[in-house]
Amino acid sequence: GAAFLGSYADKHGRRAALLLSVKLMAGGSLLIACAPGYATIGLGAP
């Protein structure tokens, strides 16, 4: 993430990279919130 977004920030701007980083964080948090447990989908949960 540091290599990708750092290069992106140095090329396209700090603001653009900060917008992209928060989009990724929102997606990750939503996935954890909705993920079924081990009892439901086994190894798919972890």
All heavy atoms as atom14 arrays in JSON, in Angstrom:
{
  "sequence": "GAAFLGSYADKHGRRAALLLSVKLMAGGSLLIACAPGYATIGLGAP",
  "atom14_mask": [
    [1, 1, 1, 1, 0, 0, 0, 0, 0, 0, 0, 0, 0, 0],
    [1, 1, 1, 1, 1, 0, 0, 0, 0, 0, 0, 0, 0, 0],
    [1, 1, 1, 1, 1, 0, 0, 0, 0, 0, 0, 0, 0, 0],
    [1, 1, 1, 1, 1, 1, 1, 1, 1, 1, 1, 0, 0, 0],
    [1, 1, 1, 1, 1, 1, 1, 1, 0, 0, 0, 0, 0, 0],
    [1, 1, 1, 1, 0, 0, 0, 0, 0, 0, 0, 0, 0, 0],
    [1, 1, 1, 1, 1, 1, 0, 0, 0, 0, 0, 0, 0, 0],
    [1, 1, 1, 1, 1, 1, 1, 1, 1, 1, 1, 1, 0, 0],
    [1, 1, 1, 1, 1, 0, 0, 0, 0, 0, 0, 0, 0, 0],
    [1, 1, 1, 1, 1, 1, 1, 1, 0, 0, 0, 0, 0, 0],
    [1, 1, 1, 1, 1, 1, 1, 1, 1, 0, 0, 0, 0, 0],
    [1, 1, 1, 1, 1, 1, 1, 1, 1, 1, 0, 0, 0, 0],
    [1, 1, 1, 1, 0, 0, 0, 0, 0, 0, 0, 0, 0, 0],
    [1, 1, 1, 1, 1, 1, 1, 1, 1, 1, 1, 0, 0, 0],
    [1, 1, 1, 1, 1, 1, 1, 1, 1, 1, 1, 0, 0, 0],
    [1, 1, 1, 1, 1, 0, 0, 0, 0, 0, 0, 0, 0, 0],
    [1, 1, 1, 1, 1, 0, 0, 0, 0, 0, 0, 0, 0, 0],
    [1, 1, 1, 1, 1, 1, 1, 1, 0, 0, 0, 0, 0, 0],
    [1, 1, 1, 1, 1, 1, 1, 1, 0, 0, 0, 0, 0, 0],
    [1, 1, 1, 1, 1, 1, 1, 1, 0, 0, 0, 0, 0, 0],
    [1, 1, 1, 1, 1, 1, 0, 0, 0, 0, 0, 0, 0, 0],
    [1, 1, 1, 1, 1, 1, 1, 0, 0, 0, 0, 0, 0, 0],
    [1, 1, 1, 1, 1, 1, 1, 1, 1, 0, 0, 0, 0, 0],
    [1, 1, 1, 1, 1, 1, 1, 1, 0, 0, 0, 0, 0, 0],
    [1, 1, 1, 1, 1, 1, 1, 1, 0, 0, 0, 0, 0, 0],
    [1, 1, 1, 1, 1, 0, 0, 0, 0, 0, 0, 0, 0, 0],
    [1, 1, 1, 1, 0, 0, 0, 0, 0, 0, 0, 0, 0, 0],
    [1, 1, 1, 1, 0, 0, 0, 0, 0, 0, 0, 0, 0, 0],
    [1, 1, 1, 1, 1, 1, 0, 0, 0, 0, 0, 0, 0, 0],
    [1, 1, 1, 1, 1, 1, 1, 1, 0, 0, 0, 0, 0, 0],
    [1, 1, 1, 1, 1, 1, 1, 1, 0, 0, 0, 0, 0, 0],
    [1, 1, 1, 1, 1, 1, 1, 1, 0, 0, 0, 0, 0, 0],
    [1, 1, 1, 1, 1, 0, 0, 0, 0, 0, 0, 0, 0, 0],
    [1, 1, 1, 1, 1, 1, 0, 0, 0, 0, 0, 0, 0, 0],
    [1, 1, 1, 1, 1, 0, 0, 0, 0, 0, 0, 0, 0, 0],
    [1, 1, 1, 1, 1, 1, 1, 0, 0, 0, 0, 0, 0, 0],
    [1, 1, 1, 1, 0, 0, 0, 0, 0, 0, 0, 0, 0, 0],
    [1, 1, 1, 1, 1, 1, 1, 1, 1, 1, 1, 1, 0, 0],
    [1, 1, 1, 1, 1, 0, 0, 0, 0, 0, 0, 0, 0, 0],
    [1, 1, 1, 1, 1, 1, 1, 0, 0, 0, 0, 0, 0, 0],
    [1, 1, 1, 1, 1, 1, 1, 1, 0, 0, 0, 0, 0, 0],
    [1, 1, 1, 1, 0, 0, 0, 0, 0, 0, 0, 0, 0, 0],
    [1, 1, 1, 1, 1, 1, 1, 1, 0, 0, 0, 0, 0, 0],
    [1, 1, 1, 1, 0, 0, 0, 0, 0, 0, 0, 0, 0, 0],
    [1, 1, 1, 1, 1, 0, 0, 0, 0, 0, 0, 0, 0, 0],
    [1, 1, 1, 1, 1, 1, 1, 0, 0, 0, 0, 0, 0, 0]
  ],
  "atom14_positions": [
    [[0.82, -1.21, 0.0], [0.0, 0.0, 0.0], [0.85, 1.26, 0.0], [0.52, 2.24, -0.68], [0.0, 0.0, 0.0], [0.0, 0.0, 0.0], [0.0, 0.0, 0.0], [0.0, 0.0, 0.0], [0.0, 0.0, 0.0], [0.0, 0.0, 0.0], [0.0, 0.0, 0.0], [0.0, 0.0, 0.0], [0.0, 0.0, 0.0], [0.0, 0.0, 0.0]],
    [[1.95, 1.23, 0.77], [2.84, 2.4, 0.83], [3.49, 2.66, -0.51], [3.61, 3.81, -0.95], [3.9, 2.18, 1.91], [0.0, 0.0, 0.0], [0.0, 0.0, 0.0], [0.0, 0.0, 0.0], [0.0, 0.0, 0.0], [0.0, 0.0, 0.0], [0.0, 0.0, 0.0], [0.0, 0.0, 0.0], [0.0, 0.0, 0.0], [0.0, 0.0, 0.0]],
    [[3.94, 1.59, -1.19], [4.58, 1.76, -2.49], [3.58, 2.25, -3.53], [3.86, 3.19, -4.29], [5.2, 0.44, -2.94], [0.0, 0.0, 0.0], [0.0, 0.0, 0.0], [0.0, 0.0, 0.0], [0.0, 0.0, 0.0], [0.0, 0.0, 0.0], [0.0, 0.0, 0.0], [0.0, 0.0, 0.0], [0.0, 0.0, 0.0], [0.0, 0.0, 0.0]],
    [[2.39, 1.64, -3.55], [1.39, 2.0, -4.55], [0.83, 3.4, -4.29], [0.86, 4.28, -5.17], [0.26, 0.97, -4.54], [-0.95, 1.38, -5.32], [-0.87, 1.64, -6.68], [-2.17, 1.54, -4.69], [-1.98, 2.04, -7.4], [-3.29, 1.93, -5.4], [-3.2, 2.19, -6.76], [0.0, 0.0, 0.0], [0.0, 0.0, 0.0], [0.0, 0.0, 0.0]],
    [[0.3, 3.63, -3.09], [-0.33, 4.91, -2.8], [0.69, 6.03, -2.62], [0.39, 7.2, -2.91], [-1.22, 4.79, -1.57], [-2.52, 4.0, -1.79], [-3.25, 3.77, -0.48], [-3.43, 4.72, -2.77], [0.0, 0.0, 0.0], [0.0, 0.0, 0.0], [0.0, 0.0, 0.0], [0.0, 0.0, 0.0], [0.0, 0.0, 0.0], [0.0, 0.0, 0.0]],
    [[1.91, 5.69, -2.16], [2.95, 6.7, -2.05], [3.35, 7.22, -3.42], [3.46, 8.43, -3.65], [0.0, 0.0, 0.0], [0.0, 0.0, 0.0], [0.0, 0.0, 0.0], [0.0, 0.0, 0.0], [0.0, 0.0, 0.0], [0.0, 0.0, 0.0], [0.0, 0.0, 0.0], [0.0, 0.0, 0.0], [0.0, 0.0, 0.0], [0.0, 0.0, 0.0]],
    [[3.58, 6.29, -4.36], [3.89, 6.7, -5.73], [2.73, 7.45, -6.36], [2.91, 8.44, -7.08], [4.22, 5.46, -6.58], [5.39, 4.83, -6.11], [0.0, 0.0, 0.0], [0.0, 0.0, 0.0], [0.0, 0.0, 0.0], [0.0, 0.0, 0.0], [0.0, 0.0, 0.0], [0.0, 0.0, 0.0], [0.0, 0.0, 0.0], [0.0, 0.0, 0.0]],
    [[1.52, 7.0, -6.07], [0.31, 7.66, -6.59], [0.22, 9.09, -6.06], [-0.11, 10.03, -6.8], [-0.91, 6.85, -6.16], [-2.21, 7.27, -6.81], [-2.53, 6.83, -8.08], [-3.11, 8.08, -6.13], [-3.73, 7.2, -8.68], [-4.31, 8.46, -6.71], [-4.62, 8.02, -8.0], [-5.79, 8.39, -8.58], [0.0, 0.0, 0.0], [0.0, 0.0, 0.0]],
    [[0.51, 9.26, -4.77], [0.45, 10.59, -4.16], [1.51, 11.52, -4.73], [1.26, 12.72, -4.92], [0.62, 10.49, -2.64], [0.0, 0.0, 0.0], [0.0, 0.0, 0.0], [0.0, 0.0, 0.0], [0.0, 0.0, 0.0], [0.0, 0.0, 0.0], [0.0, 0.0, 0.0], [0.0, 0.0, 0.0], [0.0, 0.0, 0.0], [0.0, 0.0, 0.0]],
    [[2.71, 10.99, -4.99], [3.78, 11.81, -5.54], [3.55, 12.16, -7.01], [4.1, 13.13, -7.52], [5.14, 11.1, -5.38], [5.64, 11.1, -3.95], [5.3, 12.04, -3.2], [6.35, 10.16, -3.56], [0.0, 0.0, 0.0], [0.0, 0.0, 0.0], [0.0, 0.0, 0.0], [0.0, 0.0, 0.0], [0.0, 0.0, 0.0], [0.0, 0.0, 0.0]],
    [[2.72, 11.36, -7.68], [2.44, 11.6, -9.09], [1.14, 12.36, -9.31], [1.08, 13.3, -10.11], [2.4, 10.27, -9.85], [2.2, 10.43, -11.35], [2.26, 9.08, -12.05], [2.11, 9.24, -13.56], [2.17, 7.93, -14.26], [0.0, 0.0, 0.0], [0.0, 0.0, 0.0], [0.0, 0.0, 0.0], [0.0, 0.0, 0.0], [0.0, 0.0, 0.0]],
    [[0.09, 11.97, -8.59], [-1.24, 12.52, -8.84], [-1.73, 13.47, -7.73], [-2.79, 14.09, -7.89], [-2.26, 11.4, -9.01], [-1.97, 10.51, -10.18], [-2.17, 10.89, -11.49], [-1.48, 9.24, -10.23], [-1.82, 9.9, -12.3], [-1.4, 8.89, -11.56], [0.0, 0.0, 0.0], [0.0, 0.0, 0.0], [0.0, 0.0, 0.0], [0.0, 0.0, 0.0]],
    [[-1.01, 13.53, -6.63], [-1.41, 14.44, -5.56], [-1.73, 13.73, -4.27], [-2.15, 12.57, -4.25], [0.0, 0.0, 0.0], [0.0, 0.0, 0.0], [0.0, 0.0, 0.0], [0.0, 0.0, 0.0], [0.0, 0.0, 0.0], [0.0, 0.0, 0.0], [0.0, 0.0, 0.0], [0.0, 0.0, 0.0], [0.0, 0.0, 0.0], [0.0, 0.0, 0.0]],
    [[-1.49, 14.45, -3.16], [-1.76, 13.88, -1.83], [-3.27, 13.63, -1.64], [-3.68, 12.62, -1.09], [-1.27, 14.82, -0.73], [0.14, 15.34, -0.71], [1.11, 14.91, -1.71], [2.43, 15.53, -1.53], [3.51, 15.05, -2.1], [3.44, 13.98, -2.88], [4.67, 15.64, -1.9], [0.0, 0.0, 0.0], [0.0, 0.0, 0.0], [0.0, 0.0, 0.0]],
    [[-4.06, 14.58, -2.08], [-5.5, 14.48, -1.91], [-6.08, 13.26, -2.62], [-6.91, 12.53, -2.05], [-6.16, 15.76, -2.45], [-7.68, 15.78, -2.41], [-8.2, 17.11, -2.94], [-9.65, 17.1, -3.08], [-10.3, 16.63, -4.14], [-9.61, 16.13, -5.17], [-11.62, 16.65, -4.19], [0.0, 0.0, 0.0], [0.0, 0.0, 0.0], [0.0, 0.0, 0.0]],
    [[-5.66, 13.0, -3.84], [-6.18, 11.86, -4.6], [-5.85, 10.54, -3.91], [-6.68, 9.63, -3.84], [-5.6, 11.87, -6.01], [0.0, 0.0, 0.0], [0.0, 0.0, 0.0], [0.0, 0.0, 0.0], [0.0, 0.0, 0.0], [0.0, 0.0, 0.0], [0.0, 0.0, 0.0], [0.0, 0.0, 0.0], [0.0, 0.0, 0.0], [0.0, 0.0, 0.0]],
    [[-4.64, 10.44, -3.38], [-4.24, 9.2, -2.69], [-4.99, 9.01, -1.39], [-5.36, 7.89, -1.03], [-2.73, 9.23, -2.43], [0.0, 0.0, 0.0], [0.0, 0.0, 0.0], [0.0, 0.0, 0.0], [0.0, 0.0, 0.0], [0.0, 0.0, 0.0], [0.0, 0.0, 0.0], [0.0, 0.0, 0.0], [0.0, 0.0, 0.0], [0.0, 0.0, 0.0]],
    [[-5.25, 10.11, -0.67], [-6.0, 10.01, 0.58], [-7.45, 9.59, 0.33], [-8.04, 8.87, 1.14], [-5.94, 11.35, 1.32], [-4.58, 11.69, 1.94], [-4.58, 13.12, 2.47], [-4.21, 10.72, 3.05], [0.0, 0.0, 0.0], [0.0, 0.0, 0.0], [0.0, 0.0, 0.0], [0.0, 0.0, 0.0], [0.0, 0.0, 0.0], [0.0, 0.0, 0.0]],
    [[-8.02, 10.03, -0.77], [-9.38, 9.6, -1.13], [-9.41, 8.1, -1.42], [-10.31, 7.38, -0.99], [-9.87, 10.39, -2.35], [-10.26, 11.84, -2.11], [-10.49, 12.55, -3.44], [-11.52, 11.92, -1.25], [0.0, 0.0, 0.0], [0.0, 0.0, 0.0], [0.0, 0.0, 0.0], [0.0, 0.0, 0.0], [0.0, 0.0, 0.0], [0.0, 0.0, 0.0]],
    [[-8.41, 7.62, -2.15], [-8.38, 6.2, -2.49], [-8.17, 5.33, -1.27], [-8.8, 4.27, -1.13], [-7.25, 5.95, -3.51], [-7.08, 4.52, -4.02], [-8.39, 3.98, -4.6], [-5.97, 4.47, -5.07], [0.0, 0.0, 0.0], [0.0, 0.0, 0.0], [0.0, 0.0, 0.0], [0.0, 0.0, 0.0], [0.0, 0.0, 0.0], [0.0, 0.0, 0.0]],
    [[-7.33, 5.77, -0.35], [-7.06, 4.95, 0.84], [-8.3, 4.77, 1.7], [-8.55, 3.69, 2.24], [-5.91, 5.57, 1.66], [-6.33, 6.74, 2.33], [0.0, 0.0, 0.0], [0.0, 0.0, 0.0], [0.0, 0.0, 0.0], [0.0, 0.0, 0.0], [0.0, 0.0, 0.0], [0.0, 0.0, 0.0], [0.0, 0.0, 0.0], [0.0, 0.0, 0.0]],
    [[-9.1, 5.82, 1.84], [-10.28, 5.71, 2.7], [-11.36, 4.85, 2.04], [-12.15, 4.19, 2.72], [-10.81, 7.12, 3.07], [-11.63, 7.74, 1.97], [-11.61, 7.07, 4.37], [0.0, 0.0, 0.0], [0.0, 0.0, 0.0], [0.0, 0.0, 0.0], [0.0, 0.0, 0.0], [0.0, 0.0, 0.0], [0.0, 0.0, 0.0], [0.0, 0.0, 0.0]],
    [[-11.4, 4.81, 0.71], [-12.33, 3.91, 0.02], [-11.99, 2.44, 0.32], [-12.88, 1.61, 0.56], [-12.29, 4.15, -1.48], [-12.87, 5.48, -1.93], [-12.69, 5.69, -3.43], [-13.17, 7.06, -3.87], [-12.93, 7.3, -5.32], [0.0, 0.0, 0.0], [0.0, 0.0, 0.0], [0.0, 0.0, 0.0], [0.0, 0.0, 0.0], [0.0, 0.0, 0.0]],
    [[-10.71, 2.12, 0.28], [-10.29, 0.75, 0.59], [-10.62, 0.37, 2.03], [-11.05, -0.76, 2.31], [-8.78, 0.61, 0.35], [-8.32, 0.58, -1.11], [-6.81, 0.73, -1.2], [-8.77, -0.71, -1.77], [0.0, 0.0, 0.0], [0.0, 0.0, 0.0], [0.0, 0.0, 0.0], [0.0, 0.0, 0.0], [0.0, 0.0, 0.0], [0.0, 0.0, 0.0]],
    [[-10.43, 1.32, 2.95], [-10.73, 1.03, 4.35], [-12.21, 0.77, 4.56], [-12.6, -0.14, 5.3], [-10.25, 2.18, 5.23], [-10.44, 1.94, 6.72], [-9.56, 0.48, 7.34], [-7.86, 1.06, 7.27], [0.0, 0.0, 0.0], [0.0, 0.0, 0.0], [0.0, 0.0, 0.0], [0.0, 0.0, 0.0], [0.0, 0.0, 0.0], [0.0, 0.0, 0.0]],
    [[-13.05, 1.55, 3.91], [-14.5, 1.37, 4.03], [-14.9, -0.02, 3.54], [-15.71, -0.71, 4.18], [-15.23, 2.44, 3.24], [0.0, 0.0, 0.0], [0.0, 0.0, 0.0], [0.0, 0.0, 0.0], [0.0, 0.0, 0.0], [0.0, 0.0, 0.0], [0.0, 0.0, 0.0], [0.0, 0.0, 0.0], [0.0, 0.0, 0.0], [0.0, 0.0, 0.0]],
    [[-14.33, -0.45, 2.42], [-14.65, -1.77, 1.89], [-14.22, -2.9, 2.81], [-14.96, -3.87, 3.01], [0.0, 0.0, 0.0], [0.0, 0.0, 0.0], [0.0, 0.0, 0.0], [0.0, 0.0, 0.0], [0.0, 0.0, 0.0], [0.0, 0.0, 0.0], [0.0, 0.0, 0.0], [0.0, 0.0, 0.0], [0.0, 0.0, 0.0], [0.0, 0.0, 0.0]],
    [[-13.02, -2.78, 3.39], [-12.54, -3.82, 4.31], [-13.39, -3.93, 5.55], [-13.72, -5.04, 6.02], [0.0, 0.0, 0.0], [0.0, 0.0, 0.0], [0.0, 0.0, 0.0], [0.0, 0.0, 0.0], [0.0, 0.0, 0.0], [0.0, 0.0, 0.0], [0.0, 0.0, 0.0], [0.0, 0.0, 0.0], [0.0, 0.0, 0.0], [0.0, 0.0, 0.0]],
    [[-13.78, -2.8, 6.12], [-14.6, -2.82, 7.33], [-15.98, -3.42, 7.06], [-16.51, -4.19, 7.87], [-14.75, -1.4, 7.89], [-13.53, -0.92, 8.36], [0.0, 0.0, 0.0], [0.0, 0.0, 0.0], [0.0, 0.0, 0.0], [0.0, 0.0, 0.0], [0.0, 0.0, 0.0], [0.0, 0.0, 0.0], [0.0, 0.0, 0.0], [0.0, 0.0, 0.0]],
    [[-16.55, -3.07, 5.93], [-17.86, -3.61, 5.58], [-17.81, -5.12, 5.38], [-18.73, -5.85, 5.79], [-18.38, -2.93, 4.3], [-19.83, -3.24, 3.91], [-20.79, -2.81, 5.01], [-20.18, -2.53, 2.6], [0.0, 0.0, 0.0], [0.0, 0.0, 0.0], [0.0, 0.0, 0.0], [0.0, 0.0, 0.0], [0.0, 0.0, 0.0], [0.0, 0.0, 0.0]],
    [[-16.72, -5.62, 4.81], [-16.57, -7.05, 4.6], [-16.48, -7.8, 5.93], [-17.11, -8.86, 6.1], [-15.32, -7.33, 3.76], [-15.03, -8.79, 3.42], [-16.22, -9.44, 2.72], [-13.78, -8.9, 2.56], [0.0, 0.0, 0.0], [0.0, 0.0, 0.0], [0.0, 0.0, 0.0], [0.0, 0.0, 0.0], [0.0, 0.0, 0.0], [0.0, 0.0, 0.0]],
    [[-15.73, -7.25, 6.9], [-15.66, -7.89, 8.22], [-17.02, -7.89, 8.88], [-17.44, -8.88, 9.49], [-14.63, -7.18, 9.11], [-13.22, -7.35, 8.54], [-14.66, -7.75, 10.54], [-12.15, -6.6, 9.31], [0.0, 0.0, 0.0], [0.0, 0.0, 0.0], [0.0, 0.0, 0.0], [0.0, 0.0, 0.0], [0.0, 0.0, 0.0], [0.0, 0.0, 0.0]],
    [[-17.74, -6.78, 8.78], [-19.05, -6.68, 9.41], [-20.03, -7.72, 8.89], [-20.89, -8.21, 9.62], [-19.62, -5.27, 9.18], [0.0, 0.0, 0.0], [0.0, 0.0, 0.0], [0.0, 0.0, 0.0], [0.0, 0.0, 0.0], [0.0, 0.0, 0.0], [0.0, 0.0, 0.0], [0.0, 0.0, 0.0], [0.0, 0.0, 0.0], [0.0, 0.0, 0.0]],
    [[-19.89, -8.09, 7.62], [-20.85, -9.01, 6.99], [-20.36, -10.45, 6.89], [-21.13, -11.34, 6.5], [-21.18, -8.51, 5.59], [-21.95, -6.87, 5.54], [0.0, 0.0, 0.0], [0.0, 0.0, 0.0], [0.0, 0.0, 0.0], [0.0, 0.0, 0.0], [0.0, 0.0, 0.0], [0.0, 0.0, 0.0], [0.0, 0.0, 0.0], [0.0, 0.0, 0.0]],
    [[-19.12, -10.72, 7.24], [-18.54, -12.06, 7.03], [-19.22, -13.11, 7.91], [-19.35, -12.92, 9.12], [-17.05, -12.03, 7.33], [0.0, 0.0, 0.0], [0.0, 0.0, 0.0], [0.0, 0.0, 0.0], [0.0, 0.0, 0.0], [0.0, 0.0, 0.0], [0.0, 0.0, 0.0], [0.0, 0.0, 0.0], [0.0, 0.0, 0.0], [0.0, 0.0, 0.0]],
    [[-19.67, -14.23, 7.32], [-20.23, -15.33, 8.13], [-19.13, -15.99, 8.98], [-17.94, -15.87, 8.68], [-20.76, -16.31, 7.08], [-20.77, -15.56, 5.79], [-19.68, -14.53, 5.89], [0.0, 0.0, 0.0], [0.0, 0.0, 0.0], [0.0, 0.0, 0.0], [0.0, 0.0, 0.0], [0.0, 0.0, 0.0], [0.0, 0.0, 0.0], [0.0, 0.0, 0.0]],
    [[-19.55, -16.69, 10.03], [-18.6, -17.36, 10.9], [-18.2, -18.74, 10.39], [-18.73, -19.23, 9.39], [0.0, 0.0, 0.0], [0.0, 0.0, 0.0], [0.0, 0.0, 0.0], [0.0, 0.0, 0.0], [0.0, 0.0, 0.0], [0.0, 0.0, 0.0], [0.0, 0.0, 0.0], [0.0, 0.0, 0.0], [0.0, 0.0, 0.0], [0.0, 0.0, 0.0]],
    [[-17.28, -19.36, 11.12], [-16.76, -20.69, 10.76], [-17.88, -21.73, 10.75], [-17.9, -22.63, 9.9], [-15.68, -21.09, 11.76], [-14.95, -22.37, 11.4], [-13.78, -22.33, 10.64], [-15.43, -23.6, 11.83], [-13.11, -23.49, 10.32], [-14.76, -24.78, 11.51], [-13.6, -24.72, 10.76], [-12.93, -25.88, 10.43], [0.0, 0.0, 0.0], [0.0, 0.0, 0.0]],
    [[-18.83, -21.59, 11.67], [-19.93, -22.57, 11.74], [-20.81, -22.53, 10.5], [-21.48, -23.51, 10.17], [-20.79, -22.29, 12.98], [0.0, 0.0, 0.0], [0.0, 0.0, 0.0], [0.0, 0.0, 0.0], [0.0, 0.0, 0.0], [0.0, 0.0, 0.0], [0.0, 0.0, 0.0], [0.0, 0.0, 0.0], [0.0, 0.0, 0.0], [0.0, 0.0, 0.0]],
    [[-20.8, -21.43, 9.77], [-21.65, -21.27, 8.59], [-20.94, -21.69, 7.3], [-21.5, -22.45, 6.5], [-22.12, -19.81, 8.45], [-22.79, -19.43, 9.66], [-23.05, -19.64, 7.26], [0.0, 0.0, 0.0], [0.0, 0.0, 0.0], [0.0, 0.0, 0.0], [0.0, 0.0, 0.0], [0.0, 0.0, 0.0], [0.0, 0.0, 0.0], [0.0, 0.0, 0.0]],
    [[-19.72, -21.23, 7.1], [-19.03, -21.5, 5.82], [-17.64, -22.13, 6.0], [-16.86, -22.19, 5.06], [-18.91, -20.21, 4.97], [-18.11, -19.13, 5.72], [-20.27, -19.7, 4.58], [-17.79, -17.92, 4.85], [0.0, 0.0, 0.0], [0.0, 0.0, 0.0], [0.0, 0.0, 0.0], [0.0, 0.0, 0.0], [0.0, 0.0, 0.0], [0.0, 0.0, 0.0]],
    [[-17.35, -22.61, 7.19], [-16.08, -23.3, 7.42], [-14.87, -22.42, 7.19], [-14.82, -21.27, 7.64], [0.0, 0.0, 0.0], [0.0, 0.0, 0.0], [0.0, 0.0, 0.0], [0.0, 0.0, 0.0], [0.0, 0.0, 0.0], [0.0, 0.0, 0.0], [0.0, 0.0, 0.0], [0.0, 0.0, 0.0], [0.0, 0.0, 0.0], [0.0, 0.0, 0.0]],
    [[-13.9, -22.93, 6.42], [-12.65, -22.21, 6.2], [-12.84, -20.92, 5.4], [-11.95, -20.07, 5.37], [-11.65, -23.12, 5.47], [-11.12, -24.31, 6.27], [-10.23, -25.17, 5.39], [-10.36, -23.83, 7.49], [0.0, 0.0, 0.0], [0.0, 0.0, 0.0], [0.0, 0.0, 0.0], [0.0, 0.0, 0.0], [0.0, 0.0, 0.0], [0.0, 0.0, 0.0]],
    [[-14.0, -20.79, 4.76], [-14.28, -19.54, 4.05], [-14.35, -18.35, 4.99], [-14.07, -17.21, 4.58], [0.0, 0.0, 0.0], [0.0, 0.0, 0.0], [0.0, 0.0, 0.0], [0.0, 0.0, 0.0], [0.0, 0.0, 0.0], [0.0, 0.0, 0.0], [0.0, 0.0, 0.0], [0.0, 0.0, 0.0], [0.0, 0.0, 0.0], [0.0, 0.0, 0.0]],
    [[-14.71, -18.58, 6.26], [-14.83, -17.48, 7.22], [-13.49, -16.81, 7.5], [-13.35, -15.59, 7.32], [-15.48, -17.97, 8.5], [0.0, 0.0, 0.0], [0.0, 0.0, 0.0], [0.0, 0.0, 0.0], [0.0, 0.0, 0.0], [0.0, 0.0, 0.0], [0.0, 0.0, 0.0], [0.0, 0.0, 0.0], [0.0, 0.0, 0.0], [0.0, 0.0, 0.0]],
    [[-12.46, -17.57, 7.93], [-11.16, -16.91, 8.13], [-10.57, -16.38, 6.83], [-9.8, -15.41, 6.85], [-10.29, -18.0, 8.75], [-10.96, -19.28, 8.45], [-12.43, -18.97, 8.4], [0.0, 0.0, 0.0], [0.0, 0.0, 0.0], [0.0, 0.0, 0.0], [0.0, 0.0, 0.0], [0.0, 0.0, 0.0], [0.0, 0.0, 0.0], [0.0, 0.0, 0.0]]
  ]
}
